Amino acid sequence: MAKTIRSKGQVALCQALVDARVKAGLGQKDLADRLRCHQSLIARLESGQRRVDVVELVVLARAIGFDPFEVLAIVEAATEPDHRI
């Protein structure tokens, strides 16, 4: 069983965030400016070095302009049925 930080679900979440940001035409710095944070935080979220909690997912969705439920569906589909916390 894979560790959560590198699980298929976590990798899918990171990729979905990158895809949404790029689709919105935003660079990491642009998004960081919208969120009033450092670009390095965005880089850590997108690379999986830092996990995203549910509230942060909603904030990211609002800043980028995507439906957080669509991203959750992607993560759910990628998460192994026997995955443990």
Protein backbone atom coordinates (compact mmCIF):
# COMPACT_ATOMS: atom_id res chain seq x y z
CA MET A 1 0.00 0.00 0.00
CA ALA A 2 1.34 3.43 -0.97
CA LYS A 3 1.80 6.22 1.51
CA THR A 4 -0.95 8.83 1.33
CA ILE A 5 1.37 11.63 0.24
CA ARG A 6 2.31 9.72 -2.92
CA SER A 7 -0.90 7.78 -3.40
CA LYS A 8 -2.70 7.74 -6.73
CA GLY A 9 -5.41 9.95 -5.25
CA GLN A 10 -2.90 12.54 -4.04
CA VAL A 11 -1.11 12.55 -7.39
CA ALA A 12 -4.47 12.99 -9.16
CA LEU A 13 -5.33 15.93 -6.89
CA CYS A 14 -2.03 17.67 -7.59
CA GLN A 15 -2.41 17.17 -11.34
CA ALA A 16 -6.01 18.42 -11.27
CA LEU A 17 -4.89 21.59 -9.50
CA VAL A 18 -2.13 22.21 -12.04
CA ASP A 19 -4.50 21.51 -14.94
CA ALA A 20 -7.13 23.90 -13.57
CA ARG A 21 -4.60 26.67 -12.98
CA VAL A 22 -3.09 26.32 -16.45
CA LYS A 23 -6.55 26.15 -18.06
CA ALA A 24 -7.40 29.42 -16.29
CA GLY A 25 -4.29 30.99 -17.82
CA LEU A 26 -2.64 31.56 -14.47
CA GLY A 27 0.97 31.10 -13.47
CA GLN A 28 1.88 30.03 -9.97
CA LYS A 29 2.81 33.63 -9.11
CA ASP A 30 -0.55 34.90 -10.43
CA LEU A 31 -2.41 32.44 -8.24
CA ALA A 32 -0.23 33.25 -5.25
CA ASP A 33 -1.01 36.93 -5.72
CA ARG A 34 -4.74 36.18 -5.77
CA LEU A 35 -4.42 34.16 -2.57
CA ARG A 36 -2.00 36.59 -0.91
CA CYS A 37 0.57 33.89 -0.32
CA HIS A 38 4.02 33.00 -1.60
CA GLN A 39 4.53 31.28 -4.94
CA SER A 40 6.49 28.59 -3.10
CA LEU A 41 3.29 27.51 -1.31
CA ILE A 42 1.56 26.98 -4.65
CA ALA A 43 4.57 24.99 -5.87
CA ARG A 44 4.49 22.78 -2.75
CA LEU A 45 0.74 22.16 -3.11
CA GLU A 46 1.04 21.27 -6.79
CA SER A 47 4.06 19.01 -6.28
CA GLY A 48 2.46 17.14 -3.40
CA GLN A 49 5.05 18.30 -0.88
CA ARG A 50 2.20 19.84 1.10
CA ARG A 51 -1.29 18.40 1.37
CA VAL A 52 -4.44 20.37 0.58
CA ASP A 53 -7.26 20.33 3.12
CA VAL A 54 -10.92 20.65 2.17
CA VAL A 55 -11.22 24.34 3.04
CA GLU A 56 -8.09 25.12 1.02
CA LEU A 57 -9.55 23.20 -1.93
CA VAL A 58 -12.62 25.45 -1.83
CA VAL A 59 -10.44 28.57 -1.63
CA LEU A 60 -8.30 27.35 -4.54
CA ALA A 61 -11.43 26.56 -6.55
CA ARG A 62 -12.76 30.08 -6.05
CA ALA A 63 -9.42 31.69 -6.91
CA ILE A 64 -8.88 29.59 -10.04
CA GLY A 65 -12.51 29.17 -11.09
CA PHE A 66 -13.17 25.44 -11.00
CA ASP A 67 -15.79 23.22 -9.38
CA PRO A 68 -14.26 21.55 -6.30
CA PHE A 69 -16.71 18.65 -6.64
CA GLU A 70 -15.27 17.81 -10.06
CA VAL A 71 -11.79 17.64 -8.55
CA LEU A 72 -13.07 15.47 -5.69
CA ALA A 73 -14.59 13.10 -8.25
CA ILE A 74 -11.20 12.82 -9.97
CA VAL A 75 -9.50 12.09 -6.66
CA GLU A 76 -12.17 9.56 -5.66
CA ALA A 77 -11.80 7.72 -8.96
CA ALA A 78 -8.01 7.57 -8.58
CA THR A 79 -8.01 6.41 -4.94
CA GLU A 80 -7.58 2.68 -4.45
CA PRO A 81 -10.57 0.98 -2.76
CA ASP A 82 -8.33 -0.50 -0.05
CA HIS A 83 -6.43 2.73 0.64
CA ARG A 84 -5.84 3.34 4.32
CA ILE A 85 -5.18 6.57 6.16
